[in-house]
Every structure is written in structure tokens, then in C-alpha cells.
Amino acid sequence: MLLTERETDEGLLVAVCDAEVLGETFEEDGVSLTVTEEFYGGEEADEQAVVASLARASVANLVGTEAVELAVREGFVDEANVLDIESTRHAQYLRM
């Protein structure tokens, strides 16, 4: 997985994607998602690093089966809130 962290005025923004979806565009039922290098391109990270980052995040965007399943398994994202777009999965996480 690729992990990017950005400090914003609203807190830590985390972007995680499966490495193989970087640069891809997924479209289904009027929804389009492009996994851009500018937003999702980051450092290779293992599950432990991603979980630690999500635990500190105010907002997170996740794309890819592995990244989203990890977030669901670790309790950051509810499965009912996951979008299946073409051949990938997408979820957003907001800590309030």
C-alpha cells in the first residue's frame, strides 16, 4: 500500500491506496474516481504503518481492496459505507 500524510488546518489528512491502482480511473453508475499520483502517491507502507496513520487521522481517503479491507477490519470504516466502483473499493473516514 502507498501512504501519504498531509497536515491541514483541519488536522491530519491521510491518503492510502493499493499500489496497483495508482494512476487508474474507475467508473461505474455515474461515479468516476481517478487515483492520482499527486494525491495518493506516497511511500510504501505495511499494515502496521497504515493503521497507525489512520489512528492519528482527522480525515482519510482509501482506494483499493487491500487498503479498504484493512480500514474495515481495524474498525475505522463501516462496511456499509464502502463504495464498490468497477473493480476497486473506495472509502472515506472522518473523525468528528
Protein backbone atom coordinates (compact mmCIF):
# COMPACT_ATOMS: atom_id res chain seq x y z
CA MET A 1 0.00 0.00 0.00
CA LEU A 2 1.02 3.59 -0.58
CA LEU A 3 0.59 6.05 2.30
CA THR A 4 0.58 9.85 2.25
CA GLU A 5 0.10 12.17 5.22
CA ARG A 6 -0.59 15.91 4.96
CA GLU A 7 -1.09 18.37 7.80
CA THR A 8 -4.00 20.72 7.14
CA ASP A 9 -5.72 23.44 9.16
CA GLU A 10 -8.40 20.84 9.98
CA GLY A 11 -5.94 18.14 11.10
CA LEU A 12 -4.09 15.23 9.54
CA LEU A 13 -5.25 14.14 6.08
CA VAL A 14 -4.26 10.58 5.19
CA ALA A 15 -4.45 9.01 1.73
CA VAL A 16 -3.92 5.27 1.27
CA CYS A 17 -4.16 3.22 -1.90
CA ASP A 18 -3.17 -0.19 -3.13
CA ALA A 19 -0.02 0.31 -5.22
CA GLU A 20 -1.55 -1.34 -8.30
CA VAL A 21 -4.43 1.17 -8.55
CA LEU A 22 -2.21 4.27 -8.63
CA GLY A 23 -2.82 6.12 -11.89
CA GLU A 24 -6.02 4.22 -12.67
CA THR A 25 -9.51 5.62 -13.26
CA PHE A 26 -12.57 3.66 -12.16
CA GLU A 27 -16.09 4.46 -13.40
CA GLU A 28 -19.45 2.94 -12.57
CA ASP A 29 -23.04 4.23 -12.47
CA GLY A 30 -22.05 7.87 -12.99
CA VAL A 31 -19.29 7.77 -10.38
CA SER A 32 -15.72 8.38 -11.51
CA LEU A 33 -12.63 8.01 -9.33
CA THR A 34 -9.11 8.75 -10.53
CA VAL A 35 -6.28 7.63 -8.25
CA THR A 36 -3.78 10.39 -8.97
CA GLU A 37 -0.09 10.40 -8.15
CA GLU A 38 -0.48 13.95 -6.78
CA PHE A 39 -2.96 12.88 -4.10
CA TYR A 40 -2.35 9.18 -3.46
CA GLY A 41 1.30 8.79 -4.45
CA GLY A 42 3.29 8.17 -1.31
CA GLU A 43 5.65 5.84 0.45
CA GLU A 44 5.23 2.06 0.58
CA ALA A 45 3.73 1.16 3.93
CA ASP A 46 2.86 -2.05 5.73
CA GLU A 47 -0.39 -2.68 7.57
CA GLN A 48 1.02 -1.53 10.91
CA ALA A 49 2.10 1.86 9.49
CA VAL A 50 -1.26 2.38 7.78
CA VAL A 51 -3.19 1.56 10.96
CA ALA A 52 -1.00 3.93 13.00
CA SER A 53 -1.58 6.70 10.45
CA LEU A 54 -5.34 6.13 10.36
CA ALA A 55 -5.42 6.27 14.17
CA ARG A 56 -3.98 9.81 14.01
CA ALA A 57 -6.03 10.97 11.02
CA SER A 58 -8.77 13.57 11.07
CA VAL A 59 -9.72 12.65 7.50
CA ALA A 60 -8.69 9.69 5.36
CA ASN A 61 -9.30 8.62 1.76
CA LEU A 62 -8.73 4.98 0.87
CA VAL A 63 -8.75 3.25 -2.51
CA GLY A 64 -8.17 -0.40 -3.32
CA THR A 65 -9.36 -3.69 -1.95
CA GLU A 66 -6.44 -4.19 0.46
CA ALA A 67 -6.48 -0.64 1.86
CA VAL A 68 -10.25 -0.55 2.35
CA GLU A 69 -10.45 -4.05 3.84
CA LEU A 70 -7.73 -3.11 6.35
CA ALA A 71 -9.66 0.02 7.39
CA VAL A 72 -12.85 -2.03 7.80
CA ARG A 73 -11.11 -4.83 9.72
CA GLU A 74 -9.47 -2.33 12.10
CA GLY A 75 -12.76 -0.51 12.76
CA PHE A 76 -12.04 2.81 11.03
CA VAL A 77 -14.67 2.31 8.31
CA ASP A 78 -18.05 0.58 8.44
CA GLU A 79 -18.52 -1.89 5.57
CA ALA A 80 -21.93 -0.32 4.84
CA ASN A 81 -20.14 2.93 3.88
CA VAL A 82 -17.75 1.39 1.33
CA LEU A 83 -18.27 2.10 -2.36
CA ASP A 84 -17.53 -0.58 -4.94
CA ILE A 85 -16.51 1.23 -8.11
CA GLU A 86 -15.80 -1.01 -11.07
CA SER A 87 -13.03 -3.36 -9.91
CA THR A 88 -11.93 -1.47 -6.78
CA ARG A 89 -13.21 -0.21 -3.46
CA HIS A 90 -13.26 3.32 -2.02
CA ALA A 91 -13.94 4.67 1.45
CA GLN A 92 -13.57 7.92 3.31
CA TYR A 93 -13.04 8.34 7.02
CA LEU A 94 -13.84 11.46 9.04
CA ARG A 95 -13.16 11.76 12.76
CA MET A 96 -15.54 14.18 14.41
